[in-house]
Amino acid sequence: MDEAQLEVETFVLKGVGVVDPAAFAASHPDYLVSIRRDPGEAARWWNWQADQGFPGEGWVSIKLNDAQIMPPDAWTNVGLFWGGVLDAVEGYGNTGFGRGDFSEERAGFSVAKKGPLAIFELRGDRYPVEPSSFLRGLLDAAREFYSWAGRYTRECDPSALTRIKELAEGMLR
């Protein structure tokens, strides 16, 4: 199988919640700011959320081979999401199966070894992927998120970048 073409981008919600998921899904620019394209503005909203007691609300865009696979209405706590991604990658490396969750939702994601492939399951939809390139893409996006959080926000897990490095190095073995 060809390498997975993975594009991942993290967004922070302009506010603390979504009242109308359909409107949110239809008009992301009205609700979200990218940590990559406008890191300062994203941090302003993140820190504002923290002042309200709800830091980290947002959305993570995941495109696999140019197809958006993250449902457009799947807003979540992006900090918890990225922690779940690290847990899933670690589980996959240790046992061939890893799982993560979306905030408090029961819906989640998993990655499971299936012969030479991995099956990435996201909210019940399954995608066969080349494991090395896919997992590296997730780790790169997690590194981007935690680097941004460490530089721009008041809330960051400093051990996350070390964990990402260790997971990436473990994939080389």
N, C-alpha and C. Protein backbone atom coordinates (compact mmCIF):
# COMPACT_ATOMS: atom_id res chain seq x y z
N MET A 1 0.85 -1.18 0.00
CA MET A 1 0.00 0.00 0.00
C MET A 1 0.89 1.23 0.00
N ASP A 2 0.46 2.26 -0.71
CA ASP A 2 1.19 3.52 -0.76
C ASP A 2 1.16 4.21 0.59
N GLU A 3 2.12 5.09 0.80
CA GLU A 3 2.13 5.88 2.03
C GLU A 3 0.84 6.67 2.15
N ALA A 4 0.37 6.81 3.39
CA ALA A 4 -0.83 7.60 3.66
C ALA A 4 -0.51 9.07 3.45
N GLN A 5 -1.34 9.75 2.69
CA GLN A 5 -1.22 11.20 2.53
C GLN A 5 -2.13 11.82 3.58
N LEU A 6 -1.54 12.26 4.67
CA LEU A 6 -2.29 12.73 5.82
C LEU A 6 -2.06 14.22 6.02
N GLU A 7 -3.16 14.97 6.11
CA GLU A 7 -3.11 16.39 6.43
C GLU A 7 -3.96 16.61 7.67
N VAL A 8 -3.33 17.14 8.70
CA VAL A 8 -4.03 17.35 9.97
C VAL A 8 -3.82 18.79 10.40
N GLU A 9 -4.90 19.42 10.82
CA GLU A 9 -4.81 20.81 11.29
C GLU A 9 -5.72 20.98 12.50
N THR A 10 -5.21 21.63 13.52
CA THR A 10 -5.95 21.85 14.76
C THR A 10 -6.51 23.26 14.80
N PHE A 11 -7.76 23.37 15.22
CA PHE A 11 -8.46 24.65 15.31
C PHE A 11 -8.99 24.84 16.72
N VAL A 12 -9.03 26.09 17.17
CA VAL A 12 -9.61 26.45 18.46
C VAL A 12 -10.94 27.14 18.20
N LEU A 13 -11.93 26.78 19.02
CA LEU A 13 -13.26 27.35 18.91
C LEU A 13 -13.26 28.79 19.41
N LYS A 14 -13.96 29.66 18.68
CA LYS A 14 -14.14 31.05 19.10
C LYS A 14 -15.34 31.08 20.05
N GLY A 15 -15.12 30.69 21.28
CA GLY A 15 -16.18 30.60 22.27
C GLY A 15 -15.93 29.40 23.15
N VAL A 16 -16.99 28.93 23.83
CA VAL A 16 -16.83 27.78 24.72
C VAL A 16 -17.77 26.63 24.41
N GLY A 17 -18.57 26.75 23.39
CA GLY A 17 -19.49 25.66 23.06
C GLY A 17 -20.18 25.90 21.75
N VAL A 18 -20.80 24.85 21.25
CA VAL A 18 -21.54 24.92 20.00
C VAL A 18 -23.00 24.63 20.30
N VAL A 19 -23.86 25.60 20.03
CA VAL A 19 -25.29 25.44 20.27
C VAL A 19 -25.95 24.73 19.10
N ASP A 20 -25.51 25.05 17.89
CA ASP A 20 -26.11 24.49 16.68
C ASP A 20 -25.04 23.75 15.88
N PRO A 21 -24.90 22.42 16.08
CA PRO A 21 -23.87 21.67 15.37
C PRO A 21 -23.97 21.77 13.85
N ALA A 22 -25.17 21.88 13.31
CA ALA A 22 -25.32 21.99 11.85
C ALA A 22 -24.72 23.30 11.35
N ALA A 23 -24.98 24.40 12.06
CA ALA A 23 -24.41 25.69 11.66
C ALA A 23 -22.89 25.66 11.80
N PHE A 24 -22.41 25.03 12.87
CA PHE A 24 -20.98 24.89 13.07
C PHE A 24 -20.35 24.13 11.90
N ALA A 25 -20.94 23.00 11.54
CA ALA A 25 -20.41 22.17 10.45
C ALA A 25 -20.43 22.90 9.12
N ALA A 26 -21.43 23.75 8.92
CA ALA A 26 -21.59 24.45 7.64
C ALA A 26 -20.70 25.68 7.50
N SER A 27 -20.21 26.20 8.62
CA SER A 27 -19.47 27.47 8.54
C SER A 27 -18.31 27.50 9.53
N HIS A 28 -17.35 26.60 9.37
CA HIS A 28 -16.20 26.57 10.27
C HIS A 28 -15.48 27.91 10.42
N PRO A 29 -15.30 28.71 9.35
CA PRO A 29 -14.58 29.98 9.54
C PRO A 29 -15.24 30.93 10.55
N ASP A 30 -16.55 30.81 10.72
CA ASP A 30 -17.24 31.65 11.70
C ASP A 30 -16.98 31.20 13.14
N TYR A 31 -16.58 29.95 13.31
CA TYR A 31 -16.46 29.36 14.64
C TYR A 31 -15.04 29.02 15.07
N LEU A 32 -14.11 28.89 14.12
CA LEU A 32 -12.80 28.32 14.42
C LEU A 32 -11.64 29.19 13.95
N VAL A 33 -10.51 29.05 14.64
CA VAL A 33 -9.26 29.70 14.22
C VAL A 33 -8.14 28.65 14.29
N SER A 34 -7.32 28.63 13.26
CA SER A 34 -6.25 27.64 13.12
C SER A 34 -5.04 27.98 13.98
N ILE A 35 -4.50 26.97 14.66
CA ILE A 35 -3.27 27.21 15.42
C ILE A 35 -2.08 27.39 14.49
N ARG A 36 -2.17 26.89 13.27
CA ARG A 36 -1.07 27.00 12.30
C ARG A 36 -1.10 28.34 11.58
N ARG A 37 -2.27 28.73 11.10
CA ARG A 37 -2.37 29.95 10.28
C ARG A 37 -2.46 31.22 11.10
N ASP A 38 -2.99 31.12 12.31
CA ASP A 38 -3.11 32.31 13.16
C ASP A 38 -2.89 31.91 14.62
N PRO A 39 -1.64 31.54 14.96
CA PRO A 39 -1.38 31.01 16.30
C PRO A 39 -1.70 31.98 17.43
N GLY A 40 -1.46 33.26 17.23
CA GLY A 40 -1.74 34.23 18.27
C GLY A 40 -3.23 34.37 18.55
N GLU A 41 -4.03 34.44 17.49
CA GLU A 41 -5.48 34.55 17.66
C GLU A 41 -6.04 33.26 18.26
N ALA A 42 -5.53 32.12 17.83
CA ALA A 42 -5.96 30.85 18.41
C ALA A 42 -5.65 30.83 19.91
N ALA A 43 -4.48 31.32 20.28
CA ALA A 43 -4.10 31.36 21.69
C ALA A 43 -5.00 32.31 22.47
N ARG A 44 -5.36 33.43 21.86
CA ARG A 44 -6.25 34.37 22.54
C ARG A 44 -7.57 33.69 22.90
N TRP A 45 -8.12 32.92 21.95
CA TRP A 45 -9.37 32.22 22.22
C TRP A 45 -9.18 31.09 23.23
N TRP A 46 -8.07 30.36 23.12
CA TRP A 46 -7.78 29.28 24.07
C TRP A 46 -7.72 29.85 25.49
N ASN A 47 -6.96 30.93 25.66
CA ASN A 47 -6.80 31.52 26.99
C ASN A 47 -8.11 32.14 27.48
N TRP A 48 -8.90 32.68 26.56
CA TRP A 48 -10.23 33.18 26.94
C TRP A 48 -11.08 32.02 27.44
N GLN A 49 -11.05 30.89 26.71
CA GLN A 49 -11.78 29.70 27.16
C GLN A 49 -11.32 29.29 28.57
N ALA A 50 -10.01 29.32 28.79
CA ALA A 50 -9.47 28.95 30.11
C ALA A 50 -10.02 29.86 31.19
N ASP A 51 -10.14 31.14 30.89
CA ASP A 51 -10.71 32.09 31.85
C ASP A 51 -12.16 31.77 32.16
N GLN A 52 -12.87 31.15 31.20
CA GLN A 52 -14.27 30.77 31.39
C GLN A 52 -14.38 29.39 32.04
N GLY A 53 -13.26 28.68 32.17
CA GLY A 53 -13.26 27.35 32.78
C GLY A 53 -13.38 26.20 31.79
N PHE A 54 -13.28 26.49 30.49
CA PHE A 54 -13.44 25.45 29.47
C PHE A 54 -12.35 25.52 28.41
N PRO A 55 -11.07 25.41 28.77
CA PRO A 55 -10.02 25.53 27.75
C PRO A 55 -9.97 24.33 26.82
N GLY A 56 -9.63 24.60 25.57
CA GLY A 56 -9.33 23.52 24.64
C GLY A 56 -10.42 23.13 23.67
N GLU A 57 -11.55 23.83 23.68
CA GLU A 57 -12.61 23.46 22.75
C GLU A 57 -12.20 23.81 21.33
N GLY A 58 -12.47 22.92 20.39
CA GLY A 58 -12.10 23.17 19.00
C GLY A 58 -12.45 22.00 18.10
N TRP A 59 -11.70 21.88 17.02
CA TRP A 59 -11.94 20.85 16.01
C TRP A 59 -10.61 20.48 15.39
N VAL A 60 -10.46 19.23 15.02
CA VAL A 60 -9.25 18.77 14.35
C VAL A 60 -9.64 18.26 12.97
N SER A 61 -9.11 18.90 11.95
CA SER A 61 -9.34 18.48 10.57
C SER A 61 -8.37 17.34 10.26
N ILE A 62 -8.91 16.23 9.78
CA ILE A 62 -8.07 15.11 9.35
C ILE A 62 -8.46 14.76 7.93
N LYS A 63 -7.52 14.98 7.02
CA LYS A 63 -7.73 14.61 5.62
C LYS A 63 -6.79 13.44 5.31
N LEU A 64 -7.37 12.38 4.79
CA LEU A 64 -6.62 11.20 4.40
C LEU A 64 -6.75 11.04 2.90
N ASN A 65 -5.61 11.12 2.20
CA ASN A 65 -5.61 11.04 0.74
C ASN A 65 -6.61 12.02 0.13
N ASP A 66 -6.57 13.25 0.62
CA ASP A 66 -7.38 14.38 0.15
C ASP A 66 -8.86 14.31 0.52
N ALA A 67 -9.28 13.32 1.29
CA ALA A 67 -10.68 13.22 1.71
C ALA A 67 -10.79 13.59 3.19
N GLN A 68 -11.70 14.51 3.52
CA GLN A 68 -11.92 14.90 4.91
C GLN A 68 -12.60 13.73 5.62
N ILE A 69 -11.93 13.15 6.62
CA ILE A 69 -12.53 12.02 7.33
C ILE A 69 -13.03 12.40 8.71
N MET A 70 -12.64 13.57 9.21
CA MET A 70 -13.18 14.01 10.49
C MET A 70 -14.53 14.66 10.22
N PRO A 71 -15.60 14.14 10.82
CA PRO A 71 -16.91 14.76 10.59
C PRO A 71 -16.88 16.24 10.94
N PRO A 72 -17.49 17.08 10.11
CA PRO A 72 -17.41 18.53 10.32
C PRO A 72 -18.11 19.00 11.59
N ASP A 73 -18.98 18.17 12.18
CA ASP A 73 -19.66 18.57 13.41
C ASP A 73 -18.99 17.99 14.66
N ALA A 74 -17.81 17.39 14.51
CA ALA A 74 -17.15 16.69 15.62
C ALA A 74 -16.25 17.62 16.42
N TRP A 75 -16.83 18.69 16.98
CA TRP A 75 -16.03 19.57 17.83
C TRP A 75 -15.72 18.82 19.11
N THR A 76 -14.59 19.14 19.71
CA THR A 76 -14.10 18.37 20.85
C THR A 76 -13.15 19.22 21.68
N ASN A 77 -12.69 18.68 22.77
CA ASN A 77 -11.59 19.30 23.50
C ASN A 77 -10.32 18.83 22.82
N VAL A 78 -9.66 19.72 22.09
CA VAL A 78 -8.52 19.30 21.28
C VAL A 78 -7.33 18.86 22.13
N GLY A 79 -7.17 19.41 23.32
CA GLY A 79 -6.11 18.94 24.21
C GLY A 79 -6.31 17.49 24.60
N LEU A 80 -7.54 17.14 24.97
CA LEU A 80 -7.83 15.74 25.30
C LEU A 80 -7.73 14.85 24.07
N PHE A 81 -8.15 15.37 22.92
CA PHE A 81 -8.05 14.60 21.68
C PHE A 81 -6.59 14.22 21.41
N TRP A 82 -5.68 15.20 21.49
CA TRP A 82 -4.28 14.90 21.19
C TRP A 82 -3.66 13.98 22.22
N GLY A 83 -4.08 14.07 23.48
CA GLY A 83 -3.64 13.10 24.48
C GLY A 83 -4.11 11.70 24.12
N GLY A 84 -5.35 11.60 23.62
CA GLY A 84 -5.88 10.31 23.17
C GLY A 84 -5.13 9.76 21.98
N VAL A 85 -4.71 10.64 21.07
CA VAL A 85 -3.91 10.20 19.93
C VAL A 85 -2.60 9.58 20.41
N LEU A 86 -1.94 10.24 21.36
CA LEU A 86 -0.69 9.68 21.88
C LEU A 86 -0.92 8.33 22.54
N ASP A 87 -2.01 8.19 23.29
CA ASP A 87 -2.34 6.90 23.89
C ASP A 87 -2.56 5.84 22.82
N ALA A 88 -3.27 6.20 21.75
CA ALA A 88 -3.56 5.25 20.67
C ALA A 88 -2.29 4.82 19.96
N VAL A 89 -1.41 5.76 19.67
CA VAL A 89 -0.15 5.42 19.00
C VAL A 89 0.70 4.53 19.90
N GLU A 90 0.74 4.84 21.18
CA GLU A 90 1.50 4.02 22.12
C GLU A 90 0.91 2.61 22.21
N GLY A 91 -0.41 2.51 22.30
CA GLY A 91 -1.05 1.20 22.34
C GLY A 91 -0.77 0.39 21.09
N TYR A 92 -0.83 1.04 19.94
CA TYR A 92 -0.54 0.36 18.68
C TYR A 92 0.90 -0.16 18.68
N GLY A 93 1.83 0.66 19.14
CA GLY A 93 3.23 0.24 19.19
C GLY A 93 3.46 -0.91 20.14
N ASN A 94 2.72 -0.95 21.24
CA ASN A 94 2.92 -1.99 22.26
C ASN A 94 2.19 -3.29 21.94
N THR A 95 0.97 -3.19 21.40
CA THR A 95 0.14 -4.39 21.25
C THR A 95 -0.45 -4.59 19.86
N GLY A 96 -0.30 -3.60 18.99
CA GLY A 96 -0.94 -3.68 17.68
C GLY A 96 -2.35 -3.10 17.68
N PHE A 97 -2.80 -2.57 18.83
CA PHE A 97 -4.11 -1.92 18.90
C PHE A 97 -4.02 -0.74 19.86
N GLY A 98 -4.51 0.41 19.41
CA GLY A 98 -4.56 1.59 20.27
C GLY A 98 -5.87 2.31 20.09
N ARG A 99 -6.33 2.97 21.16
CA ARG A 99 -7.63 3.65 21.14
C ARG A 99 -7.52 5.01 21.82
N GLY A 100 -8.33 5.95 21.34
CA GLY A 100 -8.45 7.27 21.95
C GLY A 100 -9.89 7.73 21.88
N ASP A 101 -10.21 8.78 22.60
CA ASP A 101 -11.59 9.26 22.66
C ASP A 101 -11.67 10.75 22.34
N PHE A 102 -12.90 11.16 22.01
CA PHE A 102 -13.22 12.57 21.83
C PHE A 102 -13.80 13.07 23.13
N SER A 103 -13.05 13.85 23.86
CA SER A 103 -13.54 14.47 25.09
C SER A 103 -14.36 13.50 25.90
N GLU A 104 -15.57 13.92 26.23
CA GLU A 104 -16.44 13.07 27.04
C GLU A 104 -17.34 12.18 26.19
N GLU A 105 -17.26 12.32 24.86
CA GLU A 105 -18.07 11.48 23.98
C GLU A 105 -17.65 10.03 24.09
N ARG A 106 -18.58 9.14 23.84
CA ARG A 106 -18.23 7.73 23.77
C ARG A 106 -17.62 7.40 22.41
N ALA A 107 -17.94 8.19 21.40
CA ALA A 107 -17.36 7.98 20.08
C ALA A 107 -15.87 8.24 20.16
N GLY A 108 -15.11 7.47 19.44
CA GLY A 108 -13.67 7.66 19.51
C GLY A 108 -12.99 7.23 18.24
N PHE A 109 -11.76 6.83 18.39
CA PHE A 109 -10.97 6.40 17.26
C PHE A 109 -10.04 5.29 17.73
N SER A 110 -9.61 4.47 16.78
CA SER A 110 -8.67 3.41 17.11
C SER A 110 -7.79 3.14 15.90
N VAL A 111 -6.70 2.48 16.15
CA VAL A 111 -5.81 2.03 15.09
C VAL A 111 -5.41 0.60 15.44
N ALA A 112 -5.60 -0.31 14.47
CA ALA A 112 -5.35 -1.73 14.72
C ALA A 112 -4.51 -2.32 13.59
N LYS A 113 -3.56 -3.16 13.97
CA LYS A 113 -2.71 -3.84 12.99
C LYS A 113 -3.54 -4.90 12.28
N LYS A 114 -3.43 -4.93 10.97
CA LYS A 114 -4.13 -5.93 10.15
C LYS A 114 -3.16 -6.34 9.05
N GLY A 115 -2.35 -7.36 9.32
CA GLY A 115 -1.32 -7.76 8.37
C GLY A 115 -0.32 -6.63 8.20
N PRO A 116 0.01 -6.28 6.96
CA PRO A 116 0.96 -5.19 6.73
C PRO A 116 0.32 -3.80 6.83
N LEU A 117 -0.98 -3.75 7.03
CA LEU A 117 -1.71 -2.48 7.10
C LEU A 117 -2.11 -2.16 8.53
N ALA A 118 -2.63 -0.98 8.71
CA ALA A 118 -3.31 -0.60 9.93
C ALA A 118 -4.71 -0.16 9.51
N ILE A 119 -5.67 -0.41 10.37
CA ILE A 119 -7.03 0.07 10.14
C ILE A 119 -7.28 1.19 11.15
N PHE A 120 -7.50 2.38 10.62
CA PHE A 120 -7.84 3.53 11.46
C PHE A 120 -9.35 3.64 11.47
N GLU A 121 -9.94 3.56 12.65
CA GLU A 121 -11.39 3.69 12.77
C GLU A 121 -11.70 5.00 13.47
N LEU A 122 -12.57 5.78 12.86
CA LEU A 122 -12.93 7.09 13.37
C LEU A 122 -14.45 7.20 13.39
N ARG A 123 -15.01 7.23 14.59
CA ARG A 123 -16.47 7.35 14.75
C ARG A 123 -17.21 6.31 13.93
N GLY A 124 -16.69 5.08 13.92
CA GLY A 124 -17.36 3.97 13.26
C GLY A 124 -16.97 3.75 11.81
N ASP A 125 -16.30 4.70 11.18
CA ASP A 125 -15.83 4.52 9.80
C ASP A 125 -14.41 3.99 9.83
N ARG A 126 -14.12 3.03 8.93
CA ARG A 126 -12.81 2.36 8.92
C ARG A 126 -12.03 2.73 7.66
N TYR A 127 -10.72 2.98 7.86
CA TYR A 127 -9.84 3.38 6.76
C TYR A 127 -8.56 2.56 6.82
N PRO A 128 -8.27 1.77 5.77
CA PRO A 128 -6.98 1.07 5.74
C PRO A 128 -5.87 2.08 5.42
N VAL A 129 -4.78 2.00 6.17
CA VAL A 129 -3.67 2.94 5.98
C VAL A 129 -2.34 2.20 6.06
N GLU A 130 -1.33 2.80 5.45
CA GLU A 130 0.04 2.32 5.62
C GLU A 130 0.46 2.83 7.00
N PRO A 131 0.78 1.93 7.93
CA PRO A 131 0.92 2.35 9.33
C PRO A 131 2.03 3.36 9.61
N SER A 132 3.20 3.17 9.07
CA SER A 132 4.32 4.04 9.42
C SER A 132 4.06 5.49 9.05
N SER A 133 3.66 5.74 7.80
CA SER A 133 3.43 7.12 7.37
C SER A 133 2.23 7.73 8.08
N PHE A 134 1.20 6.93 8.32
CA PHE A 134 0.01 7.43 8.99
C PHE A 134 0.32 7.84 10.44
N LEU A 135 0.97 6.94 11.17
CA LEU A 135 1.27 7.24 12.57
C LEU A 135 2.27 8.39 12.70
N ARG A 136 3.24 8.46 11.80
CA ARG A 136 4.17 9.59 11.81
C ARG A 136 3.43 10.90 11.54
N GLY A 137 2.46 10.86 10.64
CA GLY A 137 1.66 12.05 10.37
C GLY A 137 0.88 12.51 11.60
N LEU A 138 0.31 11.55 12.33
CA LEU A 138 -0.39 11.90 13.57
C LEU A 138 0.57 12.48 14.60
N LEU A 139 1.74 11.87 14.73
CA LEU A 139 2.72 12.38 15.70
C LEU A 139 3.22 13.77 15.31
N ASP A 140 3.41 14.01 14.02
CA ASP A 140 3.82 15.35 13.58
C ASP A 140 2.76 16.39 13.95
N ALA A 141 1.49 16.04 13.75
CA ALA A 141 0.41 16.97 14.08
C ALA A 141 0.31 17.17 15.60
N ALA A 142 0.52 16.11 16.37
CA ALA A 142 0.52 16.24 17.83
C ALA A 142 1.68 17.13 18.27
N ARG A 143 2.84 16.97 17.65
CA ARG A 143 3.99 17.82 17.97
C ARG A 143 3.67 19.29 17.68
N GLU A 144 3.02 19.53 16.54
CA GLU A 144 2.63 20.90 16.20
C GLU A 144 1.71 21.48 17.28
N PHE A 145 0.72 20.68 17.71
CA PHE A 145 -0.22 21.16 18.72
C PHE A 145 0.49 21.46 20.04
N TYR A 146 1.27 20.50 20.54
CA TYR A 146 1.91 20.69 21.85
C TYR A 146 2.98 21.78 21.81
N SER A 147 3.66 21.95 20.68
CA SER A 147 4.63 23.04 20.55
C SER A 147 3.91 24.39 20.60
N TRP A 148 2.78 24.47 19.89
CA TRP A 148 1.97 25.69 19.91
C TRP A 148 1.48 25.96 21.34
N ALA A 149 0.92 24.94 21.98
CA ALA A 149 0.38 25.13 23.33
C ALA A 149 1.45 25.58 24.30
N GLY A 150 2.64 25.01 24.19
CA GLY A 150 3.73 25.39 25.08
C GLY A 150 4.19 26.83 24.88
N ARG A 151 4.10 27.29 23.65
CA ARG A 151 4.56 28.65 23.35
C ARG A 151 3.49 29.70 23.62
N TYR A 152 2.23 29.37 23.37
CA TYR A 152 1.19 30.40 23.35
C TYR A 152 0.15 30.33 24.47
N THR A 153 0.03 29.21 25.15
CA THR A 153 -1.06 29.10 26.12
C THR A 153 -0.52 28.95 27.54
N ARG A 154 -1.43 29.08 28.48
CA ARG A 154 -1.06 28.92 29.89
C ARG A 154 -1.18 27.46 30.33
N GLU A 155 -1.65 26.60 29.43
CA GLU A 155 -1.88 25.21 29.80
C GLU A 155 -1.21 24.29 28.80
N CYS A 156 -0.18 23.61 29.24
CA CYS A 156 0.52 22.69 28.36
C CYS A 156 1.15 21.59 29.20
N ASP A 157 1.10 20.39 28.68
CA ASP A 157 1.75 19.26 29.32
C ASP A 157 3.18 19.18 28.78
N PRO A 158 4.17 19.62 29.56
CA PRO A 158 5.53 19.66 29.05
C PRO A 158 6.10 18.28 28.72
N SER A 159 5.55 17.23 29.30
CA SER A 159 6.05 15.89 29.00
C SER A 159 5.56 15.37 27.65
N ALA A 160 4.58 16.02 27.06
CA ALA A 160 4.01 15.53 25.80
C ALA A 160 5.03 15.51 24.67
N LEU A 161 5.85 16.54 24.56
CA LEU A 161 6.84 16.58 23.48
C LEU A 161 7.89 15.48 23.65
N THR A 162 8.27 15.20 24.89
CA THR A 162 9.19 14.09 25.14
C THR A 162 8.54 12.77 24.77
N ARG A 163 7.28 12.61 25.13
CA ARG A 163 6.55 11.38 24.80
C ARG A 163 6.45 11.21 23.28
N ILE A 164 6.17 12.28 22.56
CA ILE A 164 6.08 12.21 21.10
C ILE A 164 7.42 11.76 20.52
N LYS A 165 8.50 12.33 21.01
CA LYS A 165 9.83 11.96 20.53
C LYS A 165 10.09 10.48 20.78
N GLU A 166 9.76 10.00 21.97
CA GLU A 166 9.97 8.59 22.30
C GLU A 166 9.11 7.68 21.44
N LEU A 167 7.86 8.06 21.19
CA LEU A 167 7.00 7.25 20.32
C LEU A 167 7.54 7.20 18.90
N ALA A 168 7.99 8.34 18.39
CA ALA A 168 8.55 8.38 17.04
C ALA A 168 9.82 7.54 16.95
N GLU A 169 10.67 7.63 17.95
CA GLU A 169 11.90 6.82 17.96
C GLU A 169 11.57 5.34 18.05
N GLY A 170 10.54 4.99 18.81
CA GLY A 170 10.12 3.60 18.94
C GLY A 170 9.62 3.03 17.62
N MET A 171 9.08 3.87 16.77
CA MET A 171 8.58 3.41 15.46
C MET A 171 9.73 3.08 14.52
N LEU A 172 10.92 3.61 14.80
CA LEU A 172 12.08 3.35 13.94
C LEU A 172 12.66 1.97 14.19
N ARG A 173 12.34 1.37 15.31
CA ARG A 173 12.90 0.05 15.65
C ARG A 173 12.21 -1.05 14.91
